[in-house]
N, C-alpha and C. Protein backbone atom coordinates (compact mmCIF):
# COMPACT_ATOMS: atom_id res chain seq x y z
N MET A 1 9.13 16.35 28.46
CA MET A 1 10.45 15.48 28.18
C MET A 1 10.34 14.06 27.61
N THR A 2 10.38 13.81 26.54
CA THR A 2 10.25 12.26 26.10
C THR A 2 11.54 11.47 26.46
N MET A 3 11.21 10.23 26.16
CA MET A 3 12.28 9.47 26.61
C MET A 3 13.52 9.55 25.82
N ALA A 4 13.30 9.94 24.39
CA ALA A 4 14.26 10.25 23.27
C ALA A 4 15.08 11.40 24.00
N ASP A 5 14.42 12.52 24.59
CA ASP A 5 15.19 13.65 24.97
C ASP A 5 16.36 13.00 26.17
N ARG A 6 15.98 12.25 27.08
CA ARG A 6 16.77 11.96 28.00
C ARG A 6 17.97 10.93 27.85
N HIS A 7 17.65 10.26 26.59
CA HIS A 7 18.61 9.10 26.09
C HIS A 7 19.14 9.53 24.60
N PRO A 8 20.16 10.14 24.38
CA PRO A 8 20.38 10.47 22.88
C PRO A 8 20.85 9.14 22.01
N ASP A 9 21.15 8.10 22.79
CA ASP A 9 21.24 6.67 22.01
C ASP A 9 20.12 6.22 21.45
N LEU A 10 18.82 6.63 21.98
CA LEU A 10 17.58 6.10 21.63
C LEU A 10 17.10 6.55 20.36
N GLU A 11 17.55 7.74 19.92
CA GLU A 11 17.07 8.47 18.76
C GLU A 11 17.15 7.57 17.53
N PRO A 12 18.33 6.95 17.29
CA PRO A 12 18.51 6.05 16.13
C PRO A 12 17.62 4.77 15.94
N HIS A 13 17.36 4.39 17.32
CA HIS A 13 16.62 3.12 17.45
C HIS A 13 14.99 3.57 17.05
N VAL A 14 14.62 4.80 17.59
CA VAL A 14 13.28 5.13 17.35
C VAL A 14 13.19 5.59 15.96
N ASP A 15 14.05 6.16 14.91
CA ASP A 15 14.14 6.06 13.81
C ASP A 15 14.14 4.70 12.97
N THR A 16 14.85 3.91 13.29
CA THR A 16 14.87 2.30 12.80
C THR A 16 13.47 1.65 12.91
N TRP A 17 12.84 1.93 14.27
CA TRP A 17 11.48 1.31 14.43
C TRP A 17 10.60 2.12 13.43
N ARG A 18 10.50 3.28 13.40
CA ARG A 18 9.43 3.97 12.26
C ARG A 18 9.66 3.46 10.93
N GLY A 19 10.89 3.18 10.69
CA GLY A 19 11.33 2.73 9.11
C GLY A 19 10.67 1.51 8.98
N PHE A 20 10.70 0.60 10.03
CA PHE A 20 10.50 -0.87 10.28
C PHE A 20 8.91 -1.02 9.81
N ILE A 21 8.10 0.00 10.77
CA ILE A 21 6.64 0.13 10.89
C ILE A 21 6.34 0.52 9.35
N ARG A 22 6.90 1.53 8.50
CA ARG A 22 6.51 2.16 7.45
C ARG A 22 6.76 0.96 6.19
N GLY A 23 7.91 0.20 6.40
CA GLY A 23 8.11 -0.86 5.48
C GLY A 23 7.14 -2.16 5.69
N SER A 24 6.66 -2.32 6.81
CA SER A 24 5.90 -3.42 7.15
C SER A 24 4.46 -2.72 6.63
N LEU A 25 3.98 -1.63 6.79
CA LEU A 25 2.77 -1.12 6.40
C LEU A 25 2.73 -1.05 4.55
N ALA A 26 3.86 -0.81 4.05
CA ALA A 26 3.86 -0.90 2.38
C ALA A 26 4.03 -2.39 2.14
N THR A 27 4.46 -3.37 2.95
CA THR A 27 4.39 -4.56 2.31
C THR A 27 2.92 -5.22 2.33
N VAL A 28 2.34 -4.84 3.41
CA VAL A 28 0.93 -5.35 3.57
C VAL A 28 0.00 -4.78 2.56
N LEU A 29 0.25 -3.51 2.24
CA LEU A 29 -0.57 -2.79 1.21
C LEU A 29 -0.37 -3.54 -0.05
N ALA A 30 1.05 -3.80 -0.47
CA ALA A 30 1.41 -4.30 -1.76
C ALA A 30 0.75 -5.83 -2.03
N CYS A 31 0.74 -6.56 -0.78
CA CYS A 31 0.12 -7.82 -0.66
C CYS A 31 -1.28 -7.63 -0.94
N VAL A 32 -1.97 -6.78 -0.56
CA VAL A 32 -3.55 -6.54 -0.61
C VAL A 32 -3.81 -6.14 -2.04
N TYR A 33 -2.88 -5.49 -2.76
CA TYR A 33 -3.06 -4.97 -4.21
C TYR A 33 -2.73 -6.18 -5.08
N VAL A 34 -2.01 -7.18 -4.57
CA VAL A 34 -1.66 -8.49 -5.50
C VAL A 34 -2.66 -9.32 -5.09
N LEU A 35 -3.62 -9.36 -4.12
CA LEU A 35 -4.78 -10.34 -3.87
C LEU A 35 -5.92 -9.71 -4.70
N VAL A 36 -6.06 -8.44 -4.62
CA VAL A 36 -7.26 -7.81 -5.31
C VAL A 36 -6.93 -8.03 -7.00
N GLY A 37 -5.76 -7.97 -7.50
CA GLY A 37 -5.35 -7.95 -8.63
C GLY A 37 -5.37 -9.55 -9.13
N LEU A 38 -5.25 -10.65 -8.33
CA LEU A 38 -5.19 -11.96 -8.43
C LEU A 38 -6.75 -12.31 -8.63
N VAL A 39 -7.59 -11.76 -7.99
CA VAL A 39 -9.12 -11.89 -8.05
C VAL A 39 -9.56 -11.27 -9.05
N SER A 40 -9.22 -9.99 -9.72
CA SER A 40 -9.57 -9.51 -10.97
C SER A 40 -9.19 -10.49 -12.09
N ILE A 41 -8.08 -10.89 -12.10
CA ILE A 41 -7.71 -11.78 -12.97
C ILE A 41 -8.24 -13.10 -13.11
N GLY A 42 -8.59 -13.56 -11.93
CA GLY A 42 -9.39 -14.86 -12.00
C GLY A 42 -10.67 -14.98 -12.21
N PHE A 43 -11.45 -13.75 -11.57
CA PHE A 43 -12.73 -13.96 -11.81
C PHE A 43 -13.39 -12.72 -12.57
N GLY A 44 -12.46 -12.08 -13.32
CA GLY A 44 -13.07 -10.98 -14.00
C GLY A 44 -13.76 -11.14 -15.22
N SER A 45 -14.76 -10.39 -15.73
CA SER A 45 -15.42 -10.99 -17.09
C SER A 45 -15.09 -10.08 -18.12
N THR A 46 -14.67 -8.89 -17.82
CA THR A 46 -14.30 -7.83 -19.08
C THR A 46 -12.95 -7.33 -18.76
N LEU A 47 -11.88 -7.84 -19.68
CA LEU A 47 -10.43 -7.51 -19.81
C LEU A 47 -9.95 -7.70 -18.38
N PRO A 48 -9.91 -8.95 -17.88
CA PRO A 48 -9.48 -9.08 -16.54
C PRO A 48 -8.02 -8.88 -16.34
N LEU A 49 -7.20 -9.55 -17.34
CA LEU A 49 -5.85 -9.49 -17.30
C LEU A 49 -5.48 -8.04 -17.35
N PHE A 50 -5.92 -7.17 -18.29
CA PHE A 50 -5.39 -5.75 -18.29
C PHE A 50 -5.80 -5.08 -16.96
N ILE A 51 -7.05 -5.27 -16.38
CA ILE A 51 -7.40 -4.61 -15.15
C ILE A 51 -6.68 -4.86 -14.12
N GLY A 52 -6.27 -6.21 -13.98
CA GLY A 52 -5.77 -6.59 -13.09
C GLY A 52 -4.30 -6.30 -12.82
N PHE A 53 -3.46 -6.28 -13.93
CA PHE A 53 -2.11 -5.83 -13.96
C PHE A 53 -2.11 -4.19 -13.86
N VAL A 54 -2.91 -3.62 -14.40
CA VAL A 54 -2.94 -2.15 -14.39
C VAL A 54 -3.18 -1.59 -13.07
N GLY A 55 -4.22 -2.19 -12.34
CA GLY A 55 -4.38 -1.95 -10.95
C GLY A 55 -3.32 -2.07 -9.97
N MET A 56 -2.51 -3.36 -10.15
CA MET A 56 -1.31 -3.67 -9.28
C MET A 56 -0.22 -2.64 -9.64
N ILE A 57 0.02 -2.22 -10.93
CA ILE A 57 1.33 -1.31 -11.15
C ILE A 57 0.83 -0.10 -10.79
N VAL A 58 -0.30 0.43 -10.85
CA VAL A 58 -0.66 1.73 -10.37
C VAL A 58 -0.79 1.88 -8.79
N GLY A 59 -0.98 0.57 -8.09
CA GLY A 59 -1.03 0.50 -6.74
C GLY A 59 0.46 0.72 -6.32
N PHE A 60 1.24 -0.28 -6.83
CA PHE A 60 2.62 -0.08 -6.39
C PHE A 60 3.27 1.53 -6.55
N ILE A 61 2.91 1.97 -7.71
CA ILE A 61 3.33 3.45 -7.78
C ILE A 61 2.85 4.23 -6.63
N ALA A 62 1.57 3.98 -6.43
CA ALA A 62 0.92 4.84 -5.28
C ALA A 62 1.57 4.66 -3.75
N ILE A 63 2.01 3.27 -3.62
CA ILE A 63 2.77 2.89 -2.44
C ILE A 63 4.14 3.81 -2.41
N ALA A 64 4.88 3.63 -3.43
CA ALA A 64 6.24 4.38 -3.59
C ALA A 64 6.09 5.85 -3.49
N ILE A 65 4.95 6.31 -4.04
CA ILE A 65 4.55 7.83 -3.84
C ILE A 65 4.51 8.17 -2.37
N ASP A 66 3.55 7.32 -1.66
CA ASP A 66 3.37 7.46 -0.14
C ASP A 66 4.54 7.38 0.48
N LEU A 67 5.37 6.36 0.23
CA LEU A 67 6.57 6.25 1.04
C LEU A 67 7.71 7.10 0.77
N ARG A 68 7.68 7.88 -0.42
CA ARG A 68 8.60 8.80 -0.76
C ARG A 68 8.43 10.23 0.04
N THR A 69 7.15 10.52 -0.13
CA THR A 69 6.54 11.74 0.47
C THR A 69 6.50 11.54 2.01
N GLY A 70 6.67 10.48 2.64
CA GLY A 70 6.48 10.30 4.01
C GLY A 70 5.19 10.60 4.79
N SER A 71 4.02 10.21 3.80
CA SER A 71 2.77 10.36 4.31
C SER A 71 2.37 9.33 5.42
N ARG A 72 1.84 9.95 6.43
CA ARG A 72 1.32 9.20 7.65
C ARG A 72 0.19 8.59 7.46
N SER A 73 -0.74 8.99 6.55
CA SER A 73 -2.14 8.39 6.33
C SER A 73 -2.36 7.37 5.30
N TRP A 74 -1.24 7.26 4.46
CA TRP A 74 -1.48 6.36 3.31
C TRP A 74 -2.51 6.62 2.32
N GLY A 75 -3.05 7.95 2.40
CA GLY A 75 -4.33 8.35 1.69
C GLY A 75 -4.45 8.01 0.20
N LEU A 76 -3.28 8.26 -0.48
CA LEU A 76 -3.25 7.85 -1.94
C LEU A 76 -3.28 6.35 -2.04
N SER A 77 -2.46 5.65 -1.25
CA SER A 77 -2.46 3.97 -1.67
C SER A 77 -3.88 3.48 -1.24
N LEU A 78 -4.35 4.01 -0.04
CA LEU A 78 -5.80 3.42 0.46
C LEU A 78 -6.95 3.75 -0.58
N GLY A 79 -6.75 4.97 -1.08
CA GLY A 79 -7.87 5.71 -2.01
C GLY A 79 -7.76 4.70 -3.34
N ILE A 80 -6.60 4.46 -3.90
CA ILE A 80 -6.59 3.83 -5.10
C ILE A 80 -6.99 2.23 -4.78
N LEU A 81 -6.56 1.86 -3.79
CA LEU A 81 -7.02 0.44 -3.51
C LEU A 81 -8.40 0.41 -3.21
N ALA A 82 -9.30 1.42 -2.67
CA ALA A 82 -10.53 1.28 -2.71
C ALA A 82 -11.35 1.10 -4.03
N VAL A 83 -10.54 2.36 -4.86
CA VAL A 83 -11.27 2.19 -6.27
C VAL A 83 -10.90 0.99 -7.31
N PHE A 84 -9.63 0.37 -7.02
CA PHE A 84 -9.40 -0.79 -7.58
C PHE A 84 -10.21 -2.07 -7.13
N ALA A 85 -10.52 -2.17 -6.10
CA ALA A 85 -11.26 -3.31 -5.50
C ALA A 85 -12.90 -3.02 -5.75
N LEU A 86 -13.35 -1.70 -5.92
CA LEU A 86 -14.57 -1.39 -6.35
C LEU A 86 -14.81 -2.05 -8.04
N ILE A 87 -13.75 -1.56 -8.68
CA ILE A 87 -13.75 -1.70 -10.13
C ILE A 87 -13.89 -3.28 -10.39
N THR A 88 -13.13 -3.92 -9.47
CA THR A 88 -12.83 -5.38 -9.43
C THR A 88 -14.26 -6.13 -9.10
N VAL A 89 -14.99 -5.62 -8.18
CA VAL A 89 -16.13 -6.10 -7.67
C VAL A 89 -17.17 -5.94 -8.75
N ILE A 90 -17.17 -4.72 -9.36
CA ILE A 90 -18.08 -4.39 -10.46
C ILE A 90 -17.60 -5.22 -11.70
N ASN A 91 -16.58 -5.54 -12.16
CA ASN A 91 -16.20 -6.35 -12.97
C ASN A 91 -16.66 -7.73 -12.85
N ILE A 92 -16.57 -8.51 -11.56
CA ILE A 92 -17.00 -9.83 -11.37
C ILE A 92 -18.57 -9.94 -11.70
N TYR A 93 -19.38 -9.11 -11.44
CA TYR A 93 -20.85 -9.25 -11.44
C TYR A 93 -21.36 -8.70 -12.53
């Protein structure tokens, strides 16, 4: 028996807490996408503006998909972020 089973008023609080944590993680991921995009734009050598903006837009779409599907692992967003960061690093050197 969990605490939510014993206290019926606690369930809305738990749902709100889970939503807050999901929103916080989405915000952190969005900030990291913007950071990688700005690094790409600032230091990239080939098409830096295009790569930076496309990477950020694709990343925001991935975050929205992960939020909408209820993914608990954020696999799509983290995978695209890893690819975007790798492309940015390769484009800098």
